[in-house]
Amino acid sequence: MTRQEADDRLLDAYHEILSEELRLAHSALMEWASFANDDGWPLGRDVLRFARCYGVPVPALGGLVGLLPLRVGQRIVWVDAFREPELARRVCLGTFQRNAMVSFGIFCAAVDTLEREAAPS
């Protein structure tokens, strides 16, 4: 299987693997961030708010936008794979919950697909 085929399978799985509530939260979060944040991308606090509002797991929603939550004591520290991709590569992904990794895989597949489509032929 090529990388393109693997990415396509992950993107197709978006509708099969993720709950309707999680997909709705993701869509609403992205719409909100496009207007509310300077760079048009969600922040950790946005993920928390939308996860609570839609009743979905914070790690799963965060993974869909490249924000992986890591609990350190009583605080949540966000590994931001969108704004700091190099940092995300240095963190042991086994540290995160499974639902975050499933969502993050979909995020990575989407990023790879967009980069491939934007590359000159």
PDB file of N, CA and C in Angstrom:
ATOM      1  N   MET A   1       0.840  -1.169   0.000  1.00  0.00           N
ATOM      2  CA  MET A   1       0.000   0.000   0.000  1.00  0.00           C
ATOM      3  C   MET A   1       0.892   1.241   0.000  1.00  0.00           C
ATOM      4  N   THR A   2       0.609   2.173  -0.884  1.00  0.00           N
ATOM      5  CA  THR A   2       1.378   3.415  -0.939  1.00  0.00           C
ATOM      6  C   THR A   2       0.949   4.339   0.193  1.00  0.00           C
ATOM      7  N   ARG A   3       1.760   5.349   0.429  1.00  0.00           N
ATOM      8  CA  ARG A   3       1.414   6.335   1.460  1.00  0.00           C
ATOM      9  C   ARG A   3       0.109   7.049   1.092  1.00  0.00           C
ATOM     10  N   GLN A   4      -0.065   7.347  -0.181  1.00  0.00           N
ATOM     11  CA  GLN A   4      -1.297   7.989  -0.646  1.00  0.00           C
ATOM     12  C   GLN A   4      -2.515   7.113  -0.354  1.00  0.00           C
ATOM     13  N   GLU A   5      -2.410   5.832  -0.633  1.00  0.00           N
ATOM     14  CA  GLU A   5      -3.528   4.921  -0.373  1.00  0.00           C
ATOM     15  C   GLU A   5      -3.821   4.821   1.124  1.00  0.00           C
ATOM     16  N   ALA A   6      -2.775   4.789   1.936  1.00  0.00           N
ATOM     17  CA  ALA A   6      -2.956   4.733   3.388  1.00  0.00           C
ATOM     18  C   ALA A   6      -3.629   6.007   3.894  1.00  0.00           C
ATOM     19  N   ASP A   7      -3.178   7.168   3.405  1.00  0.00           N
ATOM     20  CA  ASP A   7      -3.797   8.430   3.801  1.00  0.00           C
ATOM     21  C   ASP A   7      -5.255   8.466   3.373  1.00  0.00           C
ATOM     22  N   ASP A   8      -5.543   8.005   2.164  1.00  0.00           N
ATOM     23  CA  ASP A   8      -6.925   7.985   1.670  1.00  0.00           C
ATOM     24  C   ASP A   8      -7.808   7.117   2.558  1.00  0.00           C
ATOM     25  N   ARG A   9      -7.284   5.984   2.981  1.00  0.00           N
ATOM     26  CA  ARG A   9      -8.062   5.102   3.855  1.00  0.00           C
ATOM     27  C   ARG A   9      -8.347   5.761   5.189  1.00  0.00           C
ATOM     28  N   LEU A  10      -7.359   6.470   5.736  1.00  0.00           N
ATOM     29  CA  LEU A  10      -7.578   7.164   7.007  1.00  0.00           C
ATOM     30  C   LEU A  10      -8.627   8.263   6.869  1.00  0.00           C
ATOM     31  N   LEU A  11      -8.547   9.005   5.777  1.00  0.00           N
ATOM     32  CA  LEU A  11      -9.512  10.076   5.581  1.00  0.00           C
ATOM     33  C   LEU A  11     -10.916   9.524   5.365  1.00  0.00           C
ATOM     34  N   ASP A  12     -11.026   8.420   4.645  1.00  0.00           N
ATOM     35  CA  ASP A  12     -12.333   7.779   4.466  1.00  0.00           C
ATOM     36  C   ASP A  12     -12.882   7.294   5.802  1.00  0.00           C
ATOM     37  N   ALA A  13     -11.994   6.872   6.682  1.00  0.00           N
ATOM     38  CA  ALA A  13     -12.403   6.350   7.981  1.00  0.00           C
ATOM     39  C   ALA A  13     -12.948   7.440   8.903  1.00  0.00           C
ATOM     40  N   TYR A  14     -12.708   8.694   8.581  1.00  0.00           N
ATOM     41  CA  TYR A  14     -13.199   9.821   9.387  1.00  0.00           C
ATOM     42  C   TYR A  14     -14.680   9.626   9.704  1.00  0.00           C
ATOM     43  N   HIS A  15     -15.454   9.242   8.700  1.00  0.00           N
ATOM     44  CA  HIS A  15     -16.897   9.073   8.902  1.00  0.00           C
ATOM     45  C   HIS A  15     -17.253   7.734   9.533  1.00  0.00           C
ATOM     46  N   GLU A  16     -16.395   6.758   9.400  1.00  0.00           N
ATOM     47  CA  GLU A  16     -16.686   5.438   9.941  1.00  0.00           C
ATOM     48  C   GLU A  16     -16.209   5.270  11.382  1.00  0.00           C
ATOM     49  N   ILE A  17     -15.079   5.866  11.718  1.00  0.00           N
ATOM     50  CA  ILE A  17     -14.472   5.671  13.032  1.00  0.00           C
ATOM     51  C   ILE A  17     -14.989   6.670  14.059  1.00  0.00           C
ATOM     52  N   LEU A  18     -15.152   7.916  13.637  1.00  0.00           N
ATOM     53  CA  LEU A  18     -15.496   8.971  14.585  1.00  0.00           C
ATOM     54  C   LEU A  18     -17.005   9.111  14.720  1.00  0.00           C
ATOM     55  N   SER A  19     -17.441   9.398  15.936  1.00  0.00           N
ATOM     56  CA  SER A  19     -18.870   9.583  16.187  1.00  0.00           C
ATOM     57  C   SER A  19     -19.372  10.849  15.501  1.00  0.00           C
ATOM     58  N   GLU A  20     -20.670  10.884  15.301  1.00  0.00           N
ATOM     59  CA  GLU A  20     -21.273  12.075  14.689  1.00  0.00           C
ATOM     60  C   GLU A  20     -21.033  13.297  15.564  1.00  0.00           C
ATOM     61  N   GLU A  21     -21.120  13.129  16.884  1.00  0.00           N
ATOM     62  CA  GLU A  21     -20.895  14.249  17.795  1.00  0.00           C
ATOM     63  C   GLU A  21     -19.481  14.794  17.667  1.00  0.00           C
ATOM     64  N   LEU A  22     -18.512  13.897  17.533  1.00  0.00           N
ATOM     65  CA  LEU A  22     -17.110  14.328  17.396  1.00  0.00           C
ATOM     66  C   LEU A  22     -16.903  15.052  16.070  1.00  0.00           C
ATOM     67  N   ARG A  23     -17.503  14.548  15.009  1.00  0.00           N
ATOM     68  CA  ARG A  23     -17.379  15.226  13.706  1.00  0.00           C
ATOM     69  C   ARG A  23     -18.051  16.597  13.745  1.00  0.00           C
ATOM     70  N   LEU A  24     -19.204  16.701  14.406  1.00  0.00           N
ATOM     71  CA  LEU A  24     -19.882  18.001  14.527  1.00  0.00           C
ATOM     72  C   LEU A  24     -19.049  18.973  15.367  1.00  0.00           C
ATOM     73  N   ALA A  25     -18.478  18.470  16.469  1.00  0.00           N
ATOM     74  CA  ALA A  25     -17.630  19.320  17.316  1.00  0.00           C
ATOM     75  C   ALA A  25     -16.424  19.809  16.531  1.00  0.00           C
ATOM     76  N   HIS A  26     -15.823  18.933  15.733  1.00  0.00           N
ATOM     77  CA  HIS A  26     -14.670  19.286  14.917  1.00  0.00           C
ATOM     78  C   HIS A  26     -15.032  20.388  13.924  1.00  0.00           C
ATOM     79  N   SER A  27     -16.136  20.210  13.244  1.00  0.00           N
ATOM     80  CA  SER A  27     -16.573  21.203  12.260  1.00  0.00           C
ATOM     81  C   SER A  27     -16.853  22.558  12.921  1.00  0.00           C
ATOM     82  N   ALA A  28     -17.561  22.530  14.046  1.00  0.00           N
ATOM     83  CA  ALA A  28     -17.884  23.775  14.754  1.00  0.00           C
ATOM     84  C   ALA A  28     -16.625  24.444  15.291  1.00  0.00           C
ATOM     85  N   LEU A  29     -15.704  23.652  15.815  1.00  0.00           N
ATOM     86  CA  LEU A  29     -14.446  24.181  16.345  1.00  0.00           C
ATOM     87  C   LEU A  29     -13.641  24.872  15.254  1.00  0.00           C
ATOM     88  N   MET A  30     -13.545  24.242  14.097  1.00  0.00           N
ATOM     89  CA  MET A  30     -12.783  24.833  12.996  1.00  0.00           C
ATOM     90  C   MET A  30     -13.452  26.119  12.500  1.00  0.00           C
ATOM     91  N   GLU A  31     -14.768  26.118  12.432  1.00  0.00           N
ATOM     92  CA  GLU A  31     -15.496  27.331  12.013  1.00  0.00           C
ATOM     93  C   GLU A  31     -15.249  28.460  13.008  1.00  0.00           C
ATOM     94  N   TRP A  32     -15.362  28.160  14.296  1.00  0.00           N
ATOM     95  CA  TRP A  32     -15.127  29.152  15.353  1.00  0.00           C
ATOM     96  C   TRP A  32     -13.713  29.729  15.242  1.00  0.00           C
ATOM     97  N   ALA A  33     -12.727  28.851  15.136  1.00  0.00           N
ATOM     98  CA  ALA A  33     -11.332  29.286  15.114  1.00  0.00           C
ATOM     99  C   ALA A  33     -11.024  30.153  13.904  1.00  0.00           C
ATOM    100  N   SER A  34     -11.692  29.889  12.795  1.00  0.00           N
ATOM    101  CA  SER A  34     -11.420  30.676  11.585  1.00  0.00           C
ATOM    102  C   SER A  34     -11.772  32.149  11.782  1.00  0.00           C
ATOM    103  N   PHE A  35     -12.681  32.430  12.690  1.00  0.00           N
ATOM    104  CA  PHE A  35     -13.062  33.817  12.961  1.00  0.00           C
ATOM    105  C   PHE A  35     -12.461  34.358  14.250  1.00  0.00           C
ATOM    106  N   ALA A  36     -12.254  33.492  15.234  1.00  0.00           N
ATOM    107  CA  ALA A  36     -11.896  33.950  16.572  1.00  0.00           C
ATOM    108  C   ALA A  36     -10.396  34.081  16.819  1.00  0.00           C
ATOM    109  N   ASN A  37      -9.577  33.339  16.098  1.00  0.00           N
ATOM    110  CA  ASN A  37      -8.139  33.339  16.370  1.00  0.00           C
ATOM    111  C   ASN A  37      -7.366  33.962  15.216  1.00  0.00           C
ATOM    112  N   ASP A  38      -6.301  34.657  15.568  1.00  0.00           N
ATOM    113  CA  ASP A  38      -5.517  35.389  14.566  1.00  0.00           C
ATOM    114  C   ASP A  38      -5.047  34.518  13.406  1.00  0.00           C
ATOM    115  N   ASP A  39      -4.621  33.290  13.713  1.00  0.00           N
ATOM    116  CA  ASP A  39      -4.128  32.418  12.649  1.00  0.00           C
ATOM    117  C   ASP A  39      -5.212  31.486  12.094  1.00  0.00           C
ATOM    118  N   GLY A  40      -6.434  31.622  12.603  1.00  0.00           N
ATOM    119  CA  GLY A  40      -7.545  30.830  12.094  1.00  0.00           C
ATOM    120  C   GLY A  40      -7.547  29.385  12.545  1.00  0.00           C
ATOM    121  N   TRP A  41      -6.707  29.061  13.528  1.00  0.00           N
ATOM    122  CA  TRP A  41      -6.592  27.674  13.981  1.00  0.00           C
ATOM    123  C   TRP A  41      -6.942  27.596  15.466  1.00  0.00           C
ATOM    124  N   PRO A  42      -7.549  26.491  15.919  1.00  0.00           N
ATOM    125  CA  PRO A  42      -7.961  26.379  17.323  1.00  0.00           C
ATOM    126  C   PRO A  42      -6.797  26.417  18.305  1.00  0.00           C
ATOM    127  N   LEU A  43      -7.112  26.865  19.491  1.00  0.00           N
ATOM    128  CA  LEU A  43      -6.195  26.843  20.630  1.00  0.00           C
ATOM    129  C   LEU A  43      -6.679  25.772  21.601  1.00  0.00           C
ATOM    130  N   GLY A  44      -5.837  25.408  22.545  1.00  0.00           N
ATOM    131  CA  GLY A  44      -6.220  24.405  23.533  1.00  0.00           C
ATOM    132  C   GLY A  44      -7.504  24.767  24.265  1.00  0.00           C
ATOM    133  N   ARG A  45      -7.628  26.023  24.662  1.00  0.00           N
ATOM    134  CA  ARG A  45      -8.840  26.441  25.385  1.00  0.00           C
ATOM    135  C   ARG A  45     -10.087  26.271  24.522  1.00  0.00           C
ATOM    136  N   ASP A  46      -9.951  26.438  23.211  1.00  0.00           N
ATOM    137  CA  ASP A  46     -11.087  26.230  22.310  1.00  0.00           C
ATOM    138  C   ASP A  46     -11.483  24.754  22.287  1.00  0.00           C
ATOM    139  N   VAL A  47     -10.481  23.881  22.235  1.00  0.00           N
ATOM    140  CA  VAL A  47     -10.748  22.440  22.243  1.00  0.00           C
ATOM    141  C   VAL A  47     -11.505  22.065  23.516  1.00  0.00           C
ATOM    142  N   LEU A  48     -11.061  22.570  24.659  1.00  0.00           N
ATOM    143  CA  LEU A  48     -11.742  22.278  25.925  1.00  0.00           C
ATOM    144  C   LEU A  48     -13.200  22.724  25.885  1.00  0.00           C
ATOM    145  N   ARG A  49     -13.447  23.929  25.431  1.00  0.00           N
ATOM    146  CA  ARG A  49     -14.822  24.460  25.387  1.00  0.00           C
ATOM    147  C   ARG A  49     -15.724  23.644  24.472  1.00  0.00           C
ATOM    148  N   PHE A  50     -15.241  23.354  23.281  1.00  0.00           N
ATOM    149  CA  PHE A  50     -16.077  22.640  22.321  1.00  0.00           C
ATOM    150  C   PHE A  50     -16.272  21.174  22.725  1.00  0.00           C
ATOM    151  N   ALA A  51     -15.273  20.577  23.341  1.00  0.00           N
ATOM    152  CA  ALA A  51     -15.421  19.201  23.819  1.00  0.00           C
ATOM    153  C   ALA A  51     -16.497  19.136  24.901  1.00  0.00           C
ATOM    154  N   ARG A  52     -16.480  20.089  25.805  1.00  0.00           N
ATOM    155  CA  ARG A  52     -17.511  20.129  26.851  1.00  0.00           C
ATOM    156  C   ARG A  52     -18.885  20.375  26.243  1.00  0.00           C
ATOM    157  N   CYS A  53     -18.958  21.323  25.340  1.00  0.00           N
ATOM    158  CA  CYS A  53     -20.239  21.693  24.724  1.00  0.00           C
ATOM    159  C   CYS A  53     -20.866  20.509  23.978  1.00  0.00           C
ATOM    160  N   TYR A  54     -20.069  19.748  23.263  1.00  0.00           N
ATOM    161  CA  TYR A  54     -20.577  18.635  22.451  1.00  0.00           C
ATOM    162  C   TYR A  54     -20.519  17.291  23.180  1.00  0.00           C
ATOM    163  N   GLY A  55     -19.956  17.272  24.380  1.00  0.00           N
ATOM    164  CA  GLY A  55     -19.885  16.040  25.155  1.00  0.00           C
ATOM    165  C   GLY A  55     -18.980  14.989  24.541  1.00  0.00           C
ATOM    166  N   VAL A  56     -17.854  15.449  23.980  1.00  0.00           N
ATOM    167  CA  VAL A  56     -16.905  14.517  23.350  1.00  0.00           C
ATOM    168  C   VAL A  56     -15.586  14.542  24.130  1.00  0.00           C
ATOM    169  N   PRO A  57     -14.778  13.507  24.003  1.00  0.00           N
ATOM    170  CA  PRO A  57     -13.494  13.475  24.717  1.00  0.00           C
ATOM    171  C   PRO A  57     -12.527  14.560  24.216  1.00  0.00           C
ATOM    172  N   VAL A  58     -11.946  15.273  25.145  1.00  0.00           N
ATOM    173  CA  VAL A  58     -10.976  16.322  24.817  1.00  0.00           C
ATOM    174  C   VAL A  58      -9.827  15.776  23.964  1.00  0.00           C
ATOM    175  N   PRO A  59      -9.219  14.632  24.339  1.00  0.00           N
ATOM    176  CA  PRO A  59      -8.088  14.137  23.533  1.00  0.00           C
ATOM    177  C   PRO A  59      -8.480  13.830  22.086  1.00  0.00           C
ATOM    178  N   ALA A  60      -9.661  13.274  21.889  1.00  0.00           N
ATOM    179  CA  ALA A  60     -10.093  12.921  20.530  1.00  0.00           C
ATOM    180  C   ALA A  60     -10.313  14.173  19.691  1.00  0.00           C
ATOM    181  N   LEU A  61     -10.951  15.186  20.258  1.00  0.00           N
ATOM    182  CA  LEU A  61     -11.181  16.430  19.512  1.00  0.00           C
ATOM    183  C   LEU A  61      -9.860  17.151  19.277  1.00  0.00           C
ATOM    184  N   GLY A  62      -9.015  17.203  20.277  1.00  0.00           N
ATOM    185  CA  GLY A  62      -7.714  17.860  20.121  1.00  0.00           C
ATOM    186  C   GLY A  62      -6.863  17.215  19.042  1.00  0.00           C
ATOM    187  N   GLY A  63      -6.861  15.903  19.002  1.00  0.00           N
ATOM    188  CA  GLY A  63      -6.082  15.194  17.988  1.00  0.00           C
ATOM    189  C   GLY A  63      -6.491  15.547  16.579  1.00  0.00           C
ATOM    190  N   LEU A  64      -7.772  15.811  16.376  1.00  0.00           N
ATOM    191  CA  LEU A  64      -8.264  16.164  15.035  1.00  0.00           C
ATOM    192  C   LEU A  64      -7.725  17.496  14.535  1.00  0.00           C
ATOM    193  N   VAL A  65      -7.272  18.344  15.446  1.00  0.00           N
ATOM    194  CA  VAL A  65      -6.727  19.644  15.040  1.00  0.00           C
ATOM    195  C   VAL A  65      -5.241  19.761  15.382  1.00  0.00           C
ATOM    196  N   GLY A  66      -4.612  18.619  15.677  1.00  0.00           N
ATOM    197  CA  GLY A  66      -3.179  18.626  15.938  1.00  0.00           C
ATOM    198  C   GLY A  66      -2.791  19.146  17.298  1.00  0.00           C
ATOM    199  N   LEU A  67      -3.737  19.169  18.243  1.00  0.00           N
ATOM    200  CA  LEU A  67      -3.462  19.601  19.605  1.00  0.00           C
ATOM    201  C   LEU A  67      -3.609  18.400  20.529  1.00  0.00           C
ATOM    202  N   LEU A  68      -2.482  17.908  21.025  1.00  0.00           N
ATOM    203  CA  LEU A  68      -2.489  16.726  21.874  1.00  0.00           C
ATOM    204  C   LEU A  68      -2.349  17.141  23.329  1.00  0.00           C
ATOM    205  N   PRO A  69      -3.365  16.827  24.151  1.00  0.00           N
ATOM    206  CA  PRO A  69      -3.311  17.232  25.559  1.00  0.00           C
ATOM    207  C   PRO A  69      -2.482  16.263  26.386  1.00  0.00           C
ATOM    208  N   LEU A  70      -1.657  16.826  27.227  1.00  0.00           N
ATOM    209  CA  LEU A  70      -0.814  16.041  28.114  1.00  0.00           C
ATOM    210  C   LEU A  70      -1.021  16.573  29.527  1.00  0.00           C
ATOM    211  N   ARG A  71      -1.512  15.719  30.422  1.00  0.00           N
ATOM    212  CA  ARG A  71      -1.749  16.145  31.797  1.00  0.00           C
ATOM    213  C   ARG A  71      -0.431  16.094  32.562  1.00  0.00           C
ATOM    214  N   VAL A  72      -0.083  17.236  33.151  1.00  0.00           N
ATOM    215  CA  VAL A  72       1.103  17.352  33.991  1.00  0.00           C
ATOM    216  C   VAL A  72       0.611  17.876  35.329  1.00  0.00           C
ATOM    217  N   GLY A  73       0.488  16.966  36.300  1.00  0.00           N
ATOM    218  CA  GLY A  73      -0.104  17.351  37.582  1.00  0.00           C
ATOM    219  C   GLY A  73      -1.563  17.725  37.371  1.00  0.00           C
ATOM    220  N   GLN A  74      -1.929  18.914  37.782  1.00  0.00           N
ATOM    221  CA  GLN A  74      -3.303  19.403  37.626  1.00  0.00           C
ATOM    222  C   GLN A  74      -3.510  20.206  36.348  1.00  0.00           C
ATOM    223  N   ARG A  75      -2.448  20.394  35.583  1.00  0.00           N
ATOM    224  CA  ARG A  75      -2.513  21.217  34.372  1.00  0.00           C
ATOM    225  C   ARG A  75      -2.555  20.360  33.122  1.00  0.00           C
ATOM    226  N   ILE A  76      -3.118  20.933  32.070  1.00  0.00           N
ATOM    227  CA  ILE A  76      -3.040  20.320  30.752  1.00  0.00           C
ATOM    228  C   ILE A  76      -2.059  21.139  29.935  1.00  0.00           C
ATOM    229  N   VAL A  77      -1.059  20.470  29.389  1.00  0.00           N
ATOM    230  CA  VAL A  77      -0.090  21.094  28.496  1.00  0.00           C
ATOM    231  C   VAL A  77      -0.407  20.579  27.102  1.00  0.00           C
ATOM    232  N   TRP A  78      -0.440  21.475  26.135  1.00  0.00           N
ATOM    233  CA  TRP A  78      -0.810  21.109  24.767  1.00  0.00           C
ATOM    234  C   TRP A  78       0.427  20.974  23.891  1.00  0.00           C
ATOM    235  N   VAL A  79       0.542  19.846  23.234  1.00  0.00           N
ATOM    236  CA  VAL A  79       1.557  19.655  22.203  1.00  0.00           C
ATOM    237  C   VAL A  79       0.884  20.069  20.903  1.00  0.00           C
ATOM    238  N   ASP A  80       1.369  21.137  20.317  1.00  0.00           N
ATOM    239  CA  ASP A  80       0.717  21.753  19.153  1.00  0.00           C
ATOM    240  C   ASP A  80       1.436  21.352  17.871  1.00  0.00           C
ATOM    241  N   ALA A  81       0.917  20.329  17.220  1.00  0.00           N
ATOM    242  CA  ALA A  81       1.541  19.815  15.994  1.00  0.00           C
ATOM    243  C   ALA A  81       1.270  20.706  14.795  1.00  0.00           C
ATOM    244  N   PHE A  82       0.315  21.616  14.902  1.00  0.00           N
ATOM    245  CA  PHE A  82       0.048  22.542  13.799  1.00  0.00           C
ATOM    246  C   PHE A  82       1.057  23.685  13.817  1.00  0.00           C
ATOM    247  N   ARG A  83       1.207  24.319  14.960  1.00  0.00           N
ATOM    248  CA  ARG A  83       2.082  25.485  15.066  1.00  0.00           C
ATOM    249  C   ARG A  83       3.544  25.112  15.305  1.00  0.00           C
ATOM    250  N   GLU A  84       3.786  23.985  15.949  1.00  0.00           N
ATOM    251  CA  GLU A  84       5.140  23.537  16.289  1.00  0.00           C
ATOM    252  C   GLU A  84       5.332  22.070  15.894  1.00  0.00           C
ATOM    253  N   PRO A  85       5.323  21.760  14.601  1.00  0.00           N
ATOM    254  CA  PRO A  85       5.407  20.351  14.191  1.00  0.00           C
ATOM    255  C   PRO A  85       6.676  19.648  14.668  1.00  0.00           C
ATOM    256  N   GLU A  86       7.775  20.366  14.785  1.00  0.00           N
ATOM    257  CA  GLU A  86       9.014  19.746  15.251  1.00  0.00           C
ATOM    258  C   GLU A  86       8.888  19.284  16.699  1.00  0.00           C
ATOM    259  N   LEU A  87       8.199  20.065  17.523  1.00  0.00           N
ATOM    260  CA  LEU A  87       7.982  19.680  18.912  1.00  0.00           C
ATOM    261  C   LEU A  87       7.151  18.406  18.976  1.00  0.00           C
ATOM    262  N   ALA A  88       6.135  18.332  18.164  1.00  0.00           N
ATOM    263  CA  ALA A  88       5.275  17.149  18.165  1.00  0.00           C
ATOM    264  C   ALA A  88       6.059  15.904  17.772  1.00  0.00           C
ATOM    265  N   ARG A  89       7.033  16.036  16.906  1.00  0.00           N
ATOM    266  CA  ARG A  89       7.841  14.884  16.486  1.00  0.00           C
ATOM    267  C   ARG A  89       8.763  14.399  17.604  1.00  0.00           C
ATOM    268  N   ARG A  90       9.107  15.286  18.534  1.00  0.00           N
ATOM    269  CA  ARG A  90      10.030  14.923  19.613  1.00  0.00           C
ATOM    270  C   ARG A  90       9.330  14.295  20.810  1.00  0.00           C
ATOM    271  N   VAL A  91       8.024  14.437  20.898  1.00  0.00           N
ATOM    272  CA  VAL A  91       7.277  13.894  22.033  1.00  0.00           C
ATOM    273  C   VAL A  91       6.932  12.434  21.748  1.00  0.00           C
ATOM    274  N   CYS A  92       7.073  11.599  22.730  1.00  0.00           N
ATOM    275  CA  CYS A  92       6.731  10.181  22.580  1.00  0.00           C
ATOM    276  C   CYS A  92       5.222  10.052  22.423  1.00  0.00           C
ATOM    277  N   LEU A  93       4.789   9.646  21.242  1.00  0.00           N
ATOM    278  CA  LEU A  93       3.357   9.574  20.976  1.00  0.00           C
ATOM    279  C   LEU A  93       2.662   8.513  21.826  1.00  0.00           C
ATOM    280  N   GLY A  94       3.405   7.561  22.361  1.00  0.00           N
ATOM    281  CA  GLY A  94       2.818   6.568  23.242  1.00  0.00           C
ATOM    282  C   GLY A  94       2.324   7.152  24.554  1.00  0.00           C
ATOM    283  N   THR A  95       2.665   8.409  24.806  1.00  0.00           N
ATOM    284  CA  THR A  95       2.245   9.116  26.013  1.00  0.00           C
ATOM    285  C   THR A  95       0.762   9.454  25.983  1.00  0.00           C
ATOM    286  N   PHE A  96       0.204   9.563  24.808  1.00  0.00           N
ATOM    287  CA  PHE A  96      -1.158  10.066  24.658  1.00  0.00           C
ATOM    288  C   PHE A  96      -2.186   8.944  24.606  1.00  0.00           C
ATOM    289  N   GLN A  97      -3.426   9.293  24.928  1.00  0.00           N
ATOM    290  CA  GLN A  97      -4.522   8.324  24.909  1.00  0.00           C
ATOM    291  C   GLN A  97      -4.776   7.828  23.489  1.00  0.00           C
ATOM    292  N   ARG A  98      -5.321   6.633  23.403  1.00  0.00           N
ATOM    293  CA  ARG A  98      -5.581   6.010  22.103  1.00  0.00           C
ATOM    294  C   ARG A  98      -6.501   6.866  21.240  1.00  0.00           C
ATOM    295  N   ASN A  99      -7.576   7.423  21.835  1.00  0.00           N
ATOM    296  CA  ASN A  99      -8.500   8.222  21.023  1.00  0.00           C
ATOM    297  C   ASN A  99      -7.833   9.480  20.477  1.00  0.00           C
ATOM    298  N   ALA A 100      -6.858  10.009  21.190  1.00  0.00           N
ATOM    299  CA  ALA A 100      -6.099  11.149  20.667  1.00  0.00           C
ATOM    300  C   ALA A 100      -5.250  10.720  19.483  1.00  0.00           C
ATOM    301  N   MET A 101      -4.653   9.526  19.564  1.00  0.00           N
ATOM    302  CA  MET A 101      -3.786   9.044  18.488  1.00  0.00           C
ATOM    303  C   MET A 101      -4.583   8.694  17.231  1.00  0.00           C
ATOM    304  N   VAL A 102      -5.780   8.150  17.400  1.00  0.00           N
ATOM    305  CA  VAL A 102      -6.631   7.864  16.239  1.00  0.00           C
ATOM    306  C   VAL A 102      -6.965   9.171  15.521  1.00  0.00           C
ATOM    307  N   SER A 103      -7.411  10.157  16.283  1.00  0.00           N
ATOM    308  CA  SER A 103      -7.741  11.461  15.698  1.00  0.00           C
ATOM    309  C   SER A 103      -6.512  12.142  15.106  1.00  0.00           C
ATOM    310  N   PHE A 104      -5.394  12.046  15.809  1.00  0.00           N
ATOM    311  CA  PHE A 104      -4.165  12.658  15.326  1.00  0.00           C
ATOM    312  C   PHE A 104      -3.710  12.012  14.023  1.00  0.00           C
ATOM    313  N   GLY A 105      -3.916  10.716  13.884  1.00  0.00           N
ATOM    314  CA  GLY A 105      -3.596  10.033  12.625  1.00  0.00           C
ATOM    315  C   GLY A 105      -4.400  10.595  11.469  1.00  0.00           C
ATOM    316  N   ILE A 106      -5.661  10.878  11.711  1.00  0.00           N
ATOM    317  CA  ILE A 106      -6.505  11.481  10.680  1.00  0.00           C
ATOM    318  C   ILE A 106      -6.004  12.883  10.352  1.00  0.00           C
ATOM    319  N   PHE A 107      -5.635  13.649  11.381  1.00  0.00           N
ATOM    320  CA  PHE A 107      -5.076  14.987  11.176  1.00  0.00           C
ATOM    321  C   PHE A 107      -3.817  14.918  10.315  1.00  0.00           C
ATOM    322  N   CYS A 108      -2.905  14.004  10.658  1.00  0.00           N
ATOM    323  CA  CYS A 108      -1.646  13.868   9.906  1.00  0.00           C
ATOM    324  C   CYS A 108      -1.903  13.466   8.458  1.00  0.00           C
ATOM    325  N   ALA A 109      -2.851  12.570   8.237  1.00  0.00           N
ATOM    326  CA  ALA A 109      -3.188  12.154   6.876  1.00  0.00           C
ATOM    327  C   ALA A 109      -3.726  13.337   6.083  1.00  0.00           C
ATOM    328  N   ALA A 110      -4.546  14.154   6.722  1.00  0.00           N
ATOM    329  CA  ALA A 110      -5.096  15.326   6.037  1.00  0.00           C
ATOM    330  C   ALA A 110      -3.993  16.315   5.684  1.00  0.00           C
ATOM    331  N   VAL A 111      -3.088  16.553   6.621  1.00  0.00           N
ATOM    332  CA  VAL A 111      -1.967  17.471   6.367  1.00  0.00           C
ATOM    333  C   VAL A 111      -1.103  16.943   5.222  1.00  0.00           C
ATOM    334  N   ASP A 112      -0.780  15.653   5.248  1.00  0.00           N
ATOM    335  CA  ASP A 112       0.032  15.058   4.175  1.00  0.00           C
ATOM    336  C   ASP A 112      -0.647  15.207   2.822  1.00  0.00           C
ATOM    337  N   THR A 113      -1.942  14.956   2.796  1.00  0.00           N
ATOM    338  CA  THR A 113      -2.694  15.062   1.540  1.00  0.00           C
ATOM    339  C   THR A 113      -2.675  16.492   1.021  1.00  0.00           C
ATOM    340  N   LEU A 114      -2.897  17.466   1.895  1.00  0.00           N
ATOM    341  CA  LEU A 114      -2.886  18.867   1.471  1.00  0.00           C
ATOM    342  C   LEU A 114      -1.508  19.290   0.974  1.00  0.00           C
ATOM    343  N   GLU A 115      -0.466  18.837   1.665  1.00  0.00           N
ATOM    344  CA  GLU A 115       0.893  19.168   1.228  1.00  0.00           C
ATOM    345  C   GLU A 115       1.214  18.549  -0.128  1.00  0.00           C
ATOM    346  N   ARG A 116       0.786  17.319  -0.326  1.00  0.00           N
ATOM    347  CA  ARG A 116       1.029  16.653  -1.618  1.00  0.00           C
ATOM    348  C   ARG A 116       0.291  17.379  -2.738  1.00  0.00           C
ATOM    349  N   GLU A 117      -0.947  17.782  -2.472  1.00  0.00           N
ATOM    350  CA  GLU A 117      -1.729  18.465  -3.502  1.00  0.00           C
ATOM    351  C   GLU A 117      -1.179  19.839  -3.819  1.00  0.00           C
ATOM    352  N   ALA A 118      -0.545  20.487  -2.818  1.00  0.00           N
ATOM    353  CA  ALA A 118       0.003  21.822  -3.019  1.00  0.00           C
ATOM    354  C   ALA A 118       1.379  21.799  -3.677  1.00  0.00           C
ATOM    355  N   ALA A 119       2.038  20.648  -3.640  1.00  0.00           N
ATOM    356  CA  ALA A 119       3.388  20.545  -4.214  1.00  0.00           C
ATOM    357  C   ALA A 119       3.344  20.673  -5.733  1.00  0.00           C
ATOM    358  N   PRO A 120       4.322  21.384  -6.301  1.00  0.00           N
ATOM    359  CA  PRO A 120       4.370  21.494  -7.751  1.00  0.00           C
ATOM    360  C   PRO A 120       4.628  20.122  -8.391  1.00  0.00           C
ATOM    361  N   SER A 121       4.002  19.893  -9.504  1.00  0.00           N
ATOM    362  CA  SER A 121       4.132  18.593 -10.181  1.00  0.00           C
ATOM    363  C   SER A 121       5.405  18.497 -10.966  1.00  0.00           C
TER     364      SER A 121
END
